[in-house]
Amino acid sequence: MCDNCVASPQKRLDHEASHVFFPIKTPGISEAYLKACKRVEQPPVVPPRPEEVEHKYVHCDECGESPLVGVRHKCLDCNGE
């Protein structure tokens, strides 16, 4: 999900409420995500906005925005579904 959708209460209602989202700040770096999947710790609800990075070849599962600019959020529970 993109920053806008993960921060939108309405968009979040469309996703399982108990699922945790992990912010992916650097494209192509999946080690931190994989570690987080194993321990499933709650990240901050709205993380601070880092430099504007572009996640090429990725789209928001909720609104379809592509490429994603800024932080990308990935559900820790759905595991790529």
N, C-alpha and C. Protein backbone atom coordinates (compact mmCIF):
# COMPACT_ATOMS: atom_id res chain seq x y z
N MET A 1 0.84 -1.18 0.00
CA MET A 1 0.00 0.00 0.00
C MET A 1 0.88 1.25 0.00
N CYS A 2 0.37 2.31 -0.54
CA CYS A 2 1.08 3.58 -0.53
C CYS A 2 0.81 4.30 0.80
N ASP A 3 1.56 5.38 1.05
CA ASP A 3 1.38 6.16 2.29
C ASP A 3 -0.05 6.63 2.47
N ASN A 4 -0.65 7.14 1.40
CA ASN A 4 -2.02 7.68 1.50
C ASN A 4 -3.02 6.61 1.90
N CYS A 5 -2.92 5.43 1.29
CA CYS A 5 -3.89 4.37 1.59
C CYS A 5 -3.69 3.77 2.98
N VAL A 6 -2.44 3.59 3.39
CA VAL A 6 -2.20 3.01 4.71
C VAL A 6 -2.63 3.98 5.82
N ALA A 7 -2.62 5.28 5.53
CA ALA A 7 -3.03 6.28 6.51
C ALA A 7 -4.54 6.55 6.48
N SER A 8 -5.23 6.04 5.47
CA SER A 8 -6.66 6.28 5.32
C SER A 8 -7.47 5.24 6.10
N PRO A 9 -8.24 5.69 7.09
CA PRO A 9 -9.07 4.74 7.84
C PRO A 9 -10.01 3.96 6.93
N GLN A 10 -10.58 4.59 5.91
CA GLN A 10 -11.50 3.90 5.01
C GLN A 10 -10.78 2.80 4.22
N LYS A 11 -9.60 3.11 3.69
CA LYS A 11 -8.84 2.11 2.94
C LYS A 11 -8.39 0.98 3.86
N ARG A 12 -8.02 1.31 5.09
CA ARG A 12 -7.58 0.28 6.04
C ARG A 12 -8.73 -0.67 6.40
N LEU A 13 -9.98 -0.17 6.36
CA LEU A 13 -11.12 -1.04 6.65
C LEU A 13 -11.28 -2.14 5.61
N ASP A 14 -10.74 -1.90 4.40
CA ASP A 14 -10.82 -2.90 3.34
C ASP A 14 -9.82 -4.03 3.53
N HIS A 15 -8.92 -3.88 4.50
CA HIS A 15 -7.90 -4.89 4.79
C HIS A 15 -8.17 -5.47 6.17
N GLU A 16 -7.76 -6.68 6.41
CA GLU A 16 -7.97 -7.30 7.72
C GLU A 16 -7.42 -6.41 8.83
N ALA A 17 -8.27 -6.03 9.78
CA ALA A 17 -7.92 -5.05 10.81
C ALA A 17 -6.79 -5.51 11.73
N SER A 18 -6.63 -6.80 11.92
CA SER A 18 -5.60 -7.29 12.83
C SER A 18 -4.22 -7.35 12.18
N HIS A 19 -4.13 -7.12 10.88
CA HIS A 19 -2.85 -7.22 10.19
C HIS A 19 -1.98 -5.98 10.41
N VAL A 20 -0.69 -6.21 10.51
CA VAL A 20 0.29 -5.15 10.74
C VAL A 20 0.98 -4.84 9.42
N PHE A 21 1.21 -3.56 9.14
CA PHE A 21 1.92 -3.16 7.93
C PHE A 21 3.34 -2.74 8.27
N PHE A 22 4.26 -3.10 7.41
CA PHE A 22 5.68 -2.81 7.59
C PHE A 22 6.11 -1.79 6.56
N PRO A 23 6.70 -0.66 6.98
CA PRO A 23 7.15 0.35 6.01
C PRO A 23 8.45 -0.08 5.33
N ILE A 24 8.44 -0.11 4.01
CA ILE A 24 9.63 -0.44 3.23
C ILE A 24 10.17 0.86 2.65
N LYS A 25 11.27 1.33 3.20
CA LYS A 25 11.78 2.66 2.85
C LYS A 25 12.76 2.62 1.68
N THR A 26 13.39 1.48 1.42
CA THR A 26 14.37 1.37 0.35
C THR A 26 13.94 0.27 -0.61
N PRO A 27 13.75 0.60 -1.90
CA PRO A 27 13.34 -0.43 -2.86
C PRO A 27 14.35 -1.58 -2.92
N GLY A 28 13.84 -2.80 -3.05
CA GLY A 28 14.70 -3.96 -3.24
C GLY A 28 15.34 -4.52 -1.98
N ILE A 29 15.11 -3.91 -0.83
CA ILE A 29 15.70 -4.41 0.42
C ILE A 29 14.61 -5.16 1.18
N SER A 30 14.67 -6.48 1.18
CA SER A 30 13.60 -7.26 1.80
C SER A 30 14.01 -7.92 3.11
N GLU A 31 15.30 -7.85 3.49
CA GLU A 31 15.75 -8.53 4.70
C GLU A 31 15.00 -8.04 5.94
N ALA A 32 14.84 -6.72 6.07
CA ALA A 32 14.16 -6.17 7.25
C ALA A 32 12.70 -6.63 7.29
N TYR A 33 12.05 -6.67 6.12
CA TYR A 33 10.66 -7.14 6.05
C TYR A 33 10.57 -8.60 6.48
N LEU A 34 11.48 -9.42 5.98
CA LEU A 34 11.46 -10.85 6.32
C LEU A 34 11.70 -11.06 7.82
N LYS A 35 12.61 -10.28 8.41
CA LYS A 35 12.85 -10.38 9.85
C LYS A 35 11.61 -9.95 10.62
N ALA A 36 10.96 -8.89 10.15
CA ALA A 36 9.75 -8.39 10.83
C ALA A 36 8.63 -9.42 10.75
N CYS A 37 8.53 -10.12 9.63
CA CYS A 37 7.50 -11.16 9.50
C CYS A 37 7.67 -12.22 10.58
N LYS A 38 8.90 -12.50 10.93
CA LYS A 38 9.17 -13.53 11.93
C LYS A 38 8.81 -13.08 13.34
N ARG A 39 8.99 -11.81 13.63
CA ARG A 39 8.71 -11.37 15.01
C ARG A 39 7.45 -10.54 15.12
N VAL A 40 6.90 -10.06 14.01
CA VAL A 40 5.64 -9.31 13.93
C VAL A 40 5.47 -8.31 15.08
N GLU A 41 6.35 -7.34 15.10
CA GLU A 41 6.24 -6.25 16.06
C GLU A 41 5.50 -5.10 15.40
N GLN A 42 4.70 -4.40 16.16
CA GLN A 42 3.92 -3.27 15.65
C GLN A 42 4.83 -2.10 15.31
N PRO A 43 4.87 -1.65 14.04
CA PRO A 43 5.61 -0.43 13.71
C PRO A 43 4.76 0.78 14.08
N PRO A 44 5.32 1.98 14.06
CA PRO A 44 4.50 3.16 14.31
C PRO A 44 3.36 3.23 13.31
N VAL A 45 2.23 3.78 13.73
CA VAL A 45 1.06 3.86 12.85
C VAL A 45 1.38 4.68 11.61
N VAL A 46 1.93 5.84 11.80
CA VAL A 46 2.33 6.69 10.67
C VAL A 46 3.79 7.04 10.86
N PRO A 47 4.69 6.34 10.15
CA PRO A 47 6.12 6.60 10.30
C PRO A 47 6.50 7.97 9.75
N PRO A 48 7.59 8.55 10.24
CA PRO A 48 8.03 9.82 9.70
C PRO A 48 8.36 9.69 8.22
N ARG A 49 8.07 10.71 7.45
CA ARG A 49 8.28 10.67 6.01
C ARG A 49 9.77 10.85 5.69
N PRO A 50 10.39 9.84 5.07
CA PRO A 50 11.81 9.95 4.71
C PRO A 50 11.96 10.72 3.39
N GLU A 51 13.17 10.71 2.87
CA GLU A 51 13.38 11.29 1.55
C GLU A 51 12.42 10.61 0.58
N GLU A 52 12.02 11.32 -0.44
CA GLU A 52 11.13 10.75 -1.43
C GLU A 52 11.88 9.74 -2.29
N VAL A 53 11.63 8.46 -2.07
CA VAL A 53 12.22 7.41 -2.89
C VAL A 53 11.13 6.85 -3.79
N GLU A 54 11.53 6.29 -4.90
CA GLU A 54 10.57 5.72 -5.85
C GLU A 54 10.72 4.20 -5.88
N HIS A 55 9.62 3.51 -5.65
CA HIS A 55 9.60 2.05 -5.73
C HIS A 55 9.10 1.70 -7.13
N LYS A 56 10.03 1.52 -8.06
CA LYS A 56 9.68 1.21 -9.45
C LYS A 56 9.09 -0.19 -9.54
N TYR A 57 8.22 -0.39 -10.50
CA TYR A 57 7.61 -1.69 -10.78
C TYR A 57 6.76 -2.22 -9.63
N VAL A 58 6.31 -1.32 -8.76
CA VAL A 58 5.44 -1.69 -7.64
C VAL A 58 4.20 -0.82 -7.72
N HIS A 59 3.04 -1.40 -7.41
CA HIS A 59 1.81 -0.61 -7.37
C HIS A 59 1.13 -0.80 -6.02
N CYS A 60 0.31 0.18 -5.66
CA CYS A 60 -0.47 0.09 -4.42
C CYS A 60 -1.60 -0.91 -4.64
N ASP A 61 -1.70 -1.90 -3.77
CA ASP A 61 -2.75 -2.92 -3.89
C ASP A 61 -4.14 -2.33 -3.70
N GLU A 62 -4.23 -1.19 -3.06
CA GLU A 62 -5.52 -0.58 -2.77
C GLU A 62 -5.99 0.37 -3.86
N CYS A 63 -5.13 1.34 -4.25
CA CYS A 63 -5.57 2.35 -5.22
C CYS A 63 -4.93 2.20 -6.59
N GLY A 64 -3.91 1.32 -6.72
CA GLY A 64 -3.27 1.08 -8.00
C GLY A 64 -2.17 2.05 -8.37
N GLU A 65 -1.87 3.03 -7.51
CA GLU A 65 -0.82 4.00 -7.81
C GLU A 65 0.49 3.29 -8.13
N SER A 66 1.15 3.74 -9.20
CA SER A 66 2.44 3.16 -9.58
C SER A 66 3.21 4.18 -10.39
N PRO A 67 4.52 4.31 -10.16
CA PRO A 67 5.27 3.69 -9.08
C PRO A 67 4.92 4.35 -7.75
N LEU A 68 5.24 3.68 -6.66
CA LEU A 68 5.01 4.27 -5.34
C LEU A 68 6.15 5.21 -5.02
N VAL A 69 5.80 6.38 -4.52
CA VAL A 69 6.81 7.37 -4.14
C VAL A 69 6.70 7.57 -2.64
N GLY A 70 7.82 7.45 -1.94
CA GLY A 70 7.83 7.56 -0.49
C GLY A 70 7.89 6.17 0.13
N VAL A 71 7.34 6.02 1.29
CA VAL A 71 7.38 4.75 2.00
C VAL A 71 6.34 3.80 1.42
N ARG A 72 6.74 2.56 1.21
CA ARG A 72 5.83 1.51 0.78
C ARG A 72 5.48 0.69 2.02
N HIS A 73 4.23 0.33 2.17
CA HIS A 73 3.79 -0.44 3.35
C HIS A 73 3.33 -1.81 2.88
N LYS A 74 3.86 -2.86 3.52
CA LYS A 74 3.53 -4.23 3.14
C LYS A 74 2.98 -4.97 4.36
N CYS A 75 1.87 -5.65 4.17
CA CYS A 75 1.23 -6.39 5.25
C CYS A 75 2.13 -7.54 5.71
N LEU A 76 2.33 -7.65 7.01
CA LEU A 76 3.15 -8.71 7.57
C LEU A 76 2.41 -10.04 7.64
N ASP A 77 1.09 -10.00 7.52
CA ASP A 77 0.31 -11.22 7.65
C ASP A 77 -0.03 -11.89 6.32
N CYS A 78 -0.24 -11.09 5.26
CA CYS A 78 -0.68 -11.66 3.98
C CYS A 78 0.45 -12.34 3.21
N ASN A 79 1.69 -11.95 3.45
CA ASN A 79 2.87 -12.62 2.89
C ASN A 79 2.80 -12.77 1.38
N GLY A 80 2.58 -11.64 0.69
CA GLY A 80 2.63 -11.64 -0.76
C GLY A 80 1.35 -12.05 -1.45
N GLU A 81 0.27 -12.22 -0.73
CA GLU A 81 -1.01 -12.62 -1.35
C GLU A 81 -1.54 -11.50 -2.19
